[in-house]
N, C-alpha and C. Protein backbone atom coordinates (compact mmCIF):
# COMPACT_ATOMS: atom_id res chain seq x y z
N UNK A 1 1.15 -1.35 -0.11
CA UNK A 1 -0.03 0.21 0.16
C UNK A 1 0.88 1.54 0.25
N UNK A 2 0.58 2.61 -0.80
CA UNK A 2 1.47 3.44 -0.87
C UNK A 2 0.40 4.72 -0.62
N UNK A 3 1.03 5.83 -0.32
CA UNK A 3 0.45 7.12 -0.14
C UNK A 3 1.10 8.25 -0.74
N UNK A 4 0.84 8.49 -1.75
CA UNK A 4 1.53 9.71 -2.42
C UNK A 4 1.08 11.34 -2.15
N UNK A 5 2.09 12.31 -2.01
CA UNK A 5 1.28 13.57 -1.96
C UNK A 5 1.67 14.21 -3.09
N UNK A 6 1.34 14.43 -3.94
CA UNK A 6 2.04 15.50 -5.32
C UNK A 6 1.65 16.97 -4.79
N UNK A 7 2.26 17.49 -4.66
CA UNK A 7 2.39 18.99 -4.34
C UNK A 7 3.26 20.17 -4.96
N UNK A 8 2.90 21.19 -4.62
CA UNK A 8 3.57 22.50 -5.10
C UNK A 8 4.28 23.40 -3.92
N UNK A 9 5.29 24.35 -4.32
CA UNK A 9 6.18 25.27 -3.78
C UNK A 9 5.09 25.99 -2.68
N UNK A 10 5.09 25.82 -1.43
CA UNK A 10 4.05 27.24 -0.62
C UNK A 10 2.96 26.87 -0.84
N UNK A 11 1.96 25.75 -0.64
CA UNK A 11 1.14 25.64 -0.68
C UNK A 11 0.46 25.67 0.56
N UNK A 12 -0.61 26.02 1.07
CA UNK A 12 -1.23 25.56 2.44
C UNK A 12 -2.15 24.33 2.24
N UNK A 13 -2.52 24.24 1.41
CA UNK A 13 -3.59 22.65 1.46
C UNK A 13 -2.37 21.78 0.91
N UNK A 14 -1.60 21.84 0.49
CA UNK A 14 -0.76 20.91 0.63
C UNK A 14 -0.37 20.43 2.29
N UNK A 15 0.19 21.55 2.69
CA UNK A 15 0.67 21.36 3.98
C UNK A 15 -0.72 20.84 5.04
N UNK A 16 -1.74 21.21 4.77
CA UNK A 16 -3.06 20.67 5.62
C UNK A 16 -3.09 18.95 5.30
N UNK A 17 -3.11 18.66 3.74
CA UNK A 17 -3.26 17.50 3.63
C UNK A 17 -1.92 16.51 4.07
N UNK A 18 -0.71 17.42 4.32
CA UNK A 18 0.40 16.21 5.10
C UNK A 18 -0.04 16.35 6.10
N UNK A 19 -0.52 17.49 6.92
CA UNK A 19 -0.72 17.45 8.20
C UNK A 19 -1.77 16.06 8.45
N UNK A 20 -2.81 16.22 7.93
CA UNK A 20 -3.75 15.38 8.26
C UNK A 20 -3.17 13.94 8.08
N UNK A 21 -2.00 13.39 6.92
CA UNK A 21 -1.65 12.23 7.13
C UNK A 21 -0.45 12.00 8.38
N UNK A 22 0.06 13.34 8.59
CA UNK A 22 0.90 12.83 9.94
C UNK A 22 0.24 12.81 10.86
N UNK A 23 -0.91 13.53 11.33
CA UNK A 23 -1.56 12.95 12.46
C UNK A 23 -2.15 12.10 12.68
N UNK A 24 -2.26 10.95 11.48
CA UNK A 24 -2.94 9.37 11.35
C UNK A 24 -2.29 8.48 11.63
N UNK A 25 -0.53 9.23 11.89
CA UNK A 25 0.34 8.20 11.33
C UNK A 25 0.26 7.50 10.01
N UNK A 26 0.08 8.06 9.45
CA UNK A 26 0.27 7.25 7.75
C UNK A 26 1.54 7.88 7.32
N UNK A 27 2.18 6.96 6.49
CA UNK A 27 3.44 7.43 5.92
C UNK A 27 2.85 7.57 4.41
N UNK A 28 4.22 8.05 3.97
CA UNK A 28 3.53 8.90 2.44
C UNK A 28 5.15 9.37 1.93
N UNK A 29 5.19 9.31 0.41
CA UNK A 29 5.92 9.83 -0.03
C UNK A 29 5.17 11.59 -0.61
N UNK A 30 6.48 12.38 -1.07
CA UNK A 30 6.07 13.37 -1.47
C UNK A 30 6.78 13.59 -2.54
N UNK A 31 5.83 14.26 -3.84
CA UNK A 31 6.47 14.80 -4.98
C UNK A 31 6.28 16.39 -5.16
N UNK A 32 7.16 17.20 -5.04
CA UNK A 32 6.70 18.63 -5.91
C UNK A 32 6.87 18.44 -7.41
N UNK A 33 5.73 18.74 -7.78
CA UNK A 33 5.79 18.72 -9.07
C UNK A 33 5.89 20.01 -10.01
N UNK A 34 6.39 20.69 -9.51
CA UNK A 34 7.31 21.87 -10.10
C UNK A 34 8.75 21.64 -10.05
N UNK A 35 9.03 20.82 -9.36
CA UNK A 35 10.34 20.50 -9.22
C UNK A 35 11.01 19.31 -9.93
N UNK A 36 9.69 18.45 -10.86
CA UNK A 36 10.29 17.23 -11.01
C UNK A 36 9.02 17.29 -12.70
N UNK A 37 9.78 17.55 -13.79
CA UNK A 37 8.67 17.42 -15.02
C UNK A 37 8.33 15.83 -15.12
N UNK A 38 8.98 15.22 -14.48
CA UNK A 38 8.61 13.36 -14.74
C UNK A 38 7.66 13.12 -13.77
N UNK A 39 7.51 13.58 -12.51
CA UNK A 39 6.45 13.74 -11.63
C UNK A 39 5.24 14.16 -11.90
N UNK A 40 5.52 15.46 -12.64
CA UNK A 40 4.12 16.33 -13.09
C UNK A 40 3.40 15.50 -13.93
N UNK A 41 4.14 14.83 -14.95
CA UNK A 41 3.77 14.15 -16.12
C UNK A 41 3.28 12.53 -15.21
N UNK A 42 3.70 12.36 -14.05
CA UNK A 42 3.21 10.83 -13.64
C UNK A 42 1.94 11.48 -12.98
N UNK A 43 1.56 12.60 -12.65
CA UNK A 43 0.19 13.08 -11.89
C UNK A 43 -0.64 13.04 -12.98
N UNK A 44 -0.64 13.65 -13.94
CA UNK A 44 -1.15 13.86 -15.30
C UNK A 44 -1.96 12.77 -15.59
N UNK A 45 -1.38 11.73 -15.81
CA UNK A 45 -1.22 10.47 -16.63
C UNK A 45 -2.09 9.76 -15.12
N UNK A 46 -1.97 9.54 -13.86
CA UNK A 46 -2.64 8.87 -13.09
C UNK A 46 -4.38 9.74 -12.95
N UNK A 47 -4.31 10.55 -13.20
CA UNK A 47 -5.55 11.44 -12.83
C UNK A 47 -6.51 11.01 -14.14
N UNK A 48 -5.62 10.77 -15.24
CA UNK A 48 -6.53 11.11 -16.62
C UNK A 48 -7.27 8.98 -16.40
N UNK A 49 -6.43 8.64 -15.97
CA UNK A 49 -6.66 7.08 -15.97
C UNK A 49 -7.96 6.96 -15.20
N UNK A 50 -7.52 7.98 -13.61
CA UNK A 50 -8.82 8.01 -12.71
C UNK A 50 -10.26 8.40 -13.52
N UNK A 51 -10.27 9.19 -14.44
CA UNK A 51 -11.23 9.89 -14.95
C UNK A 51 -11.62 11.53 -14.81
N UNK A 52 -9.85 11.98 -13.89
CA UNK A 52 -10.14 13.13 -13.45
C UNK A 52 -9.95 13.68 -14.79
N UNK A 53 -10.49 15.17 -14.36
CA UNK A 53 -10.26 16.66 -15.27
C UNK A 53 -8.47 16.68 -15.15
N UNK A 54 -7.85 17.30 -16.13
CA UNK A 54 -6.76 17.84 -15.71
C UNK A 54 -6.46 19.02 -16.06
N UNK A 55 -7.70 19.80 -16.80
CA UNK A 55 -8.00 20.94 -17.24
C UNK A 55 -7.32 22.38 -16.35
N UNK A 56 -7.32 22.00 -15.29
CA UNK A 56 -6.87 23.04 -14.15
C UNK A 56 -7.12 21.90 -13.06
N UNK A 57 -5.83 21.67 -12.60
CA UNK A 57 -5.04 20.91 -11.18
C UNK A 57 -5.04 21.47 -10.48
N UNK A 58 -5.57 21.49 -9.09
CA UNK A 58 -4.92 22.09 -7.85
C UNK A 58 -4.49 21.11 -7.14
N UNK A 59 -3.43 21.85 -6.62
CA UNK A 59 -2.47 20.85 -5.57
C UNK A 59 -3.32 20.91 -4.16
N UNK A 60 -3.00 19.97 -3.74
CA UNK A 60 -2.62 18.84 -3.60
C UNK A 60 -3.09 17.72 -4.56
N UNK A 61 -2.48 16.67 -5.20
CA UNK A 61 -3.20 15.72 -5.57
C UNK A 61 -2.50 14.37 -4.75
N UNK A 62 -3.61 13.91 -4.52
CA UNK A 62 -3.18 12.22 -3.51
C UNK A 62 -3.59 11.14 -3.97
N UNK A 63 -2.42 10.59 -4.50
CA UNK A 63 -3.08 9.10 -4.40
C UNK A 63 -2.57 7.98 -3.31
N UNK A 64 -3.82 7.88 -2.88
CA UNK A 64 -3.63 6.53 -1.81
C UNK A 64 -4.07 5.30 -2.29
N UNK A 65 -3.23 4.63 -2.75
CA UNK A 65 -3.19 2.99 -3.16
C UNK A 65 -4.26 3.17 -4.05
N UNK A 66 -4.16 4.22 -5.45
CA UNK A 66 -4.91 3.95 -6.55
C UNK A 66 -6.22 5.06 -6.41
N UNK A 67 -6.40 5.38 -5.45
CA UNK A 67 -7.34 6.29 -5.16
C UNK A 67 -7.15 7.52 -5.30
N UNK A 68 -7.52 8.46 -6.26
CA UNK A 68 -6.73 9.67 -6.62
C UNK A 68 -7.92 10.84 -5.84
N UNK A 69 -7.33 11.63 -5.41
CA UNK A 69 -8.19 12.52 -4.87
C UNK A 69 -7.32 14.25 -5.08
N UNK A 70 -8.25 14.95 -5.60
CA UNK A 70 -8.01 16.46 -6.46
C UNK A 70 -7.92 17.13 -5.69
N UNK A 71 -6.79 18.07 -5.04
CA UNK A 71 -7.35 19.01 -4.15
C UNK A 71 -7.52 18.62 -2.48
N UNK A 72 -7.24 19.59 -1.60
CA UNK A 72 -7.55 19.24 -0.31
C UNK A 72 -9.06 19.07 0.52
N UNK A 73 -9.52 17.77 0.42
CA UNK A 73 -10.74 17.16 0.97
C UNK A 73 -10.35 16.42 2.29
N UNK A 74 -10.58 17.08 3.10
CA UNK A 74 -10.19 16.23 4.59
C UNK A 74 -11.18 14.97 4.71
N UNK A 75 -12.21 14.92 4.46
CA UNK A 75 -13.20 13.73 4.18
C UNK A 75 -13.14 12.88 2.96
N UNK A 76 -12.54 13.36 1.98
CA UNK A 76 -12.51 12.41 0.85
C UNK A 76 -10.74 11.37 1.44
N UNK A 77 -9.74 12.09 1.84
CA UNK A 77 -8.51 11.71 1.97
C UNK A 77 -8.91 10.91 3.31
N UNK A 78 -9.84 10.98 4.54
CA UNK A 78 -10.38 10.01 5.25
C UNK A 78 -10.85 8.82 5.46
N UNK A 79 -12.08 9.02 4.21
CA UNK A 79 -12.78 7.75 3.38
C UNK A 79 -11.48 7.25 3.06
N UNK A 80 -10.53 7.66 1.75
CA UNK A 80 -9.77 6.70 1.07
C UNK A 80 -8.82 5.60 2.00
N UNK A 81 -8.59 6.72 3.19
CA UNK A 81 -7.64 5.54 4.01
C UNK A 81 -8.27 4.52 4.64
N UNK A 82 -9.53 4.94 5.33
CA UNK A 82 -10.44 3.81 5.80
C UNK A 82 -10.80 2.73 4.62
N UNK A 83 -10.96 2.69 3.24
CA UNK A 83 -11.53 2.08 2.24
C UNK A 83 -10.33 1.36 1.96
N UNK A 84 -8.70 1.62 2.19
CA UNK A 84 -7.70 0.86 2.00
C UNK A 84 -7.18 0.60 3.29
N UNK A 85 -8.24 0.31 4.60
CA UNK A 85 -7.36 0.08 5.58
C UNK A 85 -6.32 0.03 6.07
N UNK A 86 -6.09 1.46 5.76
CA UNK A 86 -4.76 2.18 6.53
C UNK A 86 -4.89 2.58 7.86
N UNK A 87 -6.53 3.08 8.15
CA UNK A 87 -6.72 3.91 9.29
C UNK A 87 -6.51 3.07 9.98
N UNK A 88 -6.38 3.46 11.23
CA UNK A 88 -6.40 2.92 12.50
C UNK A 88 -7.10 3.51 13.51
N UNK A 89 -8.75 3.15 13.49
CA UNK A 89 -9.44 3.82 14.40
C UNK A 89 -10.58 2.96 15.04
């Protein structure tokens, strides 16, 4: 199981998403898509594969073991973590 946060520099919503994961003791990888063209392309491909619009991408984008979450939505993050059995509650 993996959790990836695709972020941009100086992004309050990215920081909020990472804080939720840290509070729940969820290990995650973070990639700044402004610093890596490869990771930027990767997140666009994953969003397209998930049927999400890539016309306007709002950071962060989370990949919770295949569940793609576009933008910061605490409830969706917690729901995806529960669905994947990553949340201990």
